[in-house]
C-alpha atoms as a PDB file:
ATOM      1  CA  MET A   1       0.000   0.000   0.000  1.00  0.00           C
ATOM      2  CA  LYS A   2       1.312   3.403  -0.969  1.00  0.00           C
ATOM      3  CA  ASN A   3       2.028   5.899   1.823  1.00  0.00           C
ATOM      4  CA  ILE A   4       0.393   9.141   0.670  1.00  0.00           C
ATOM      5  CA  VAL A   5       0.046  10.835   4.067  1.00  0.00           C
ATOM      6  CA  GLY A   6       3.494  12.434   3.903  1.00  0.00           C
ATOM      7  CA  LYS A   7       2.904  14.172   0.588  1.00  0.00           C
ATOM      8  CA  ARG A   8      -0.507  15.337   1.743  1.00  0.00           C
ATOM      9  CA  VAL A   9       0.970  16.755   4.987  1.00  0.00           C
ATOM     10  CA  HIS A  10       3.533  18.663   2.921  1.00  0.00           C
ATOM     11  CA  ASP A  11       0.839  19.971   0.553  1.00  0.00           C
ATOM     12  CA  ALA A  12      -1.436  21.056   3.424  1.00  0.00           C
ATOM     13  CA  ARG A  13       1.437  22.812   5.200  1.00  0.00           C
ATOM     14  CA  ARG A  14       2.163  24.807   2.035  1.00  0.00           C
ATOM     15  CA  LYS A  15      -1.444  26.014   1.717  1.00  0.00           C
ATOM     16  CA  PHE A  16      -1.209  28.150   4.863  1.00  0.00           C
ATOM     17  CA  LYS A  17      -0.515  31.852   4.307  1.00  0.00           C
ATOM     18  CA  PRO A  18       2.374  32.164   4.942  1.00  0.00           C
ATOM     19  CA  PRO A  19       3.239  28.460   4.506  1.00  0.00           C
ATOM     20  CA  LEU A  20       3.886  26.586   7.754  1.00  0.00           C
ATOM     21  CA  SER A  21       7.411  25.371   8.320  1.00  0.00           C
ATOM     22  CA  GLN A  22       7.914  21.885   9.727  1.00  0.00           C
ATOM     23  CA  GLU A  23       9.068  23.567  12.949  1.00  0.00           C
ATOM     24  CA  ALA A  24       5.847  25.625  13.157  1.00  0.00           C
ATOM     25  CA  LEU A  25       3.697  22.561  12.463  1.00  0.00           C
ATOM     26  CA  ALA A  26       5.532  20.618  15.184  1.00  0.00           C
ATOM     27  CA  ALA A  27       4.825  23.460  17.650  1.00  0.00           C
ATOM     28  CA  ARG A  28       1.114  23.482  16.740  1.00  0.00           C
ATOM     29  CA  LEU A  29       0.908  19.700  17.071  1.00  0.00           C
ATOM     30  CA  GLU A  30       2.488  19.916  20.513  1.00  0.00           C
ATOM     31  CA  LEU A  31      -0.281  22.335  21.553  1.00  0.00           C
ATOM     32  CA  ASP A  32      -2.741  19.666  20.370  1.00  0.00           C
ATOM     33  CA  GLY A  33      -1.082  17.061  22.611  1.00  0.00           C
ATOM     34  CA  TRP A  34       1.373  15.371  20.246  1.00  0.00           C
ATOM     35  CA  LYS A  35       5.027  16.053  21.013  1.00  0.00           C
ATOM     36  CA  ILE A  36       6.788  15.605  17.679  1.00  0.00           C
ATOM     37  CA  SER A  37      10.090  16.913  16.360  1.00  0.00           C
ATOM     38  CA  ARG A  38      10.759  18.647  13.063  1.00  0.00           C
ATOM     39  CA  GLY A  39      12.933  15.672  12.128  1.00  0.00           C
ATOM     40  CA  THR A  40      10.066  13.243  12.632  1.00  0.00           C
ATOM     41  CA  LEU A  41       7.778  15.438  10.511  1.00  0.00           C
ATOM     42  CA  SER A  42      10.454  15.425   7.823  1.00  0.00           C
ATOM     43  CA  LYS A  43      10.483  11.604   7.882  1.00  0.00           C
ATOM     44  CA  ILE A  44       6.678  11.508   7.648  1.00  0.00           C
ATOM     45  CA  GLU A  45       6.713  13.871   4.663  1.00  0.00           C
ATOM     46  CA  ALA A  46       9.451  11.815   2.986  1.00  0.00           C
ATOM     47  CA  GLY A  47       7.387   8.638   3.433  1.00  0.00           C
ATOM     48  CA  ILE A  48      10.044   7.086   5.689  1.00  0.00           C
ATOM     49  CA  ARG A  49       7.861   7.052   8.808  1.00  0.00           C
ATOM     50  CA  ARG A  50       4.232   5.966   8.794  1.00  0.00           C
ATOM     51  CA  VAL A  51       1.611   7.517  11.054  1.00  0.00           C
ATOM     52  CA  THR A  52      -0.884   5.976  13.470  1.00  0.00           C
ATOM     53  CA  ASP A  53      -4.607   6.682  13.465  1.00  0.00           C
ATOM     54  CA  PHE A  54      -4.168   9.084  16.422  1.00  0.00           C
ATOM     55  CA  GLU A  55      -1.467  10.922  14.499  1.00  0.00           C
ATOM     56  CA  VAL A  56      -3.614  11.197  11.352  1.00  0.00           C
ATOM     57  CA  MET A  57      -6.390  12.765  13.419  1.00  0.00           C
ATOM     58  CA  ALA A  58      -3.990  15.227  15.093  1.00  0.00           C
ATOM     59  CA  LEU A  59      -2.472  16.190  11.740  1.00  0.00           C
ATOM     60  CA  ALA A  60      -5.920  16.681  10.203  1.00  0.00           C
ATOM     61  CA  ARG A  61      -7.106  18.918  13.063  1.00  0.00           C
ATOM     62  CA  THR A  62      -3.948  20.996  13.059  1.00  0.00           C
ATOM     63  CA  LEU A  63      -3.731  21.320   9.278  1.00  0.00           C
ATOM     64  CA  LYS A  64      -7.495  21.965   9.012  1.00  0.00           C
ATOM     65  CA  VAL A  65      -8.095  19.167   6.516  1.00  0.00           C
ATOM     66  CA  ALA A  66     -10.279  16.066   6.569  1.00  0.00           C
ATOM     67  CA  PRO A  67      -8.504  12.933   7.838  1.00  0.00           C
ATOM     68  CA  GLU A  68      -9.734  11.010   4.802  1.00  0.00           C
ATOM     69  CA  TRP A  69      -7.978  13.582   2.594  1.00  0.00           C
ATOM     70  CA  LEU A  70      -4.676  12.757   4.326  1.00  0.00           C
ATOM     71  CA  MET A  71      -5.008   9.060   3.616  1.00  0.00           C
ATOM     72  CA  ASP A  72      -6.553   6.747   1.091  1.00  0.00           C
ATOM     73  CA  LYS A  73     -10.340   6.875   1.529  1.00  0.00           C
ATOM     74  CA  GLN A  74     -10.688   3.066   1.704  1.00  0.00           C
ATOM     75  CA  LEU A  75      -7.967   2.863   4.351  1.00  0.00           C
ATOM     76  CA  PHE A  76      -9.687   5.587   6.357  1.00  0.00           C
ATOM     77  CA  GLU A  77     -13.051   3.793   6.198  1.00  0.00           C
ATOM     78  CA  SER A  78     -11.407   0.535   7.248  1.00  0.00           C
ATOM     79  CA  MET A  79      -9.783   2.331  10.206  1.00  0.00           C
ATOM     80  CA  LEU A  80     -13.202   3.662  11.285  1.00  0.00           C
ATOM     81  CA  LYS A  81     -14.717   0.171  11.211  1.00  0.00           C
ATOM     82  CA  LYS A  82     -12.045  -1.071  13.642  1.00  0.00           C
ATOM     83  CA  HIS A  83     -12.976   1.555  16.245  1.00  0.00           C
END
């Protein structure tokens, strides 16, 4: 399965005016309860590190996008069925 979350995080970050840096996104995520470093965000965006369901939800809230936009719609629906 292709990891599309990283590219979508990068795209969403760039849509802010001015664009959010990885450092700024990490700071906002920490305010939302997820302590994450800029380096870890870089790995997520590069597709090196995958994200958990909790992390997808935190990213979606912080980036003001739908969680299903961050991931494949079928994967998102399958995740919802598990919970």
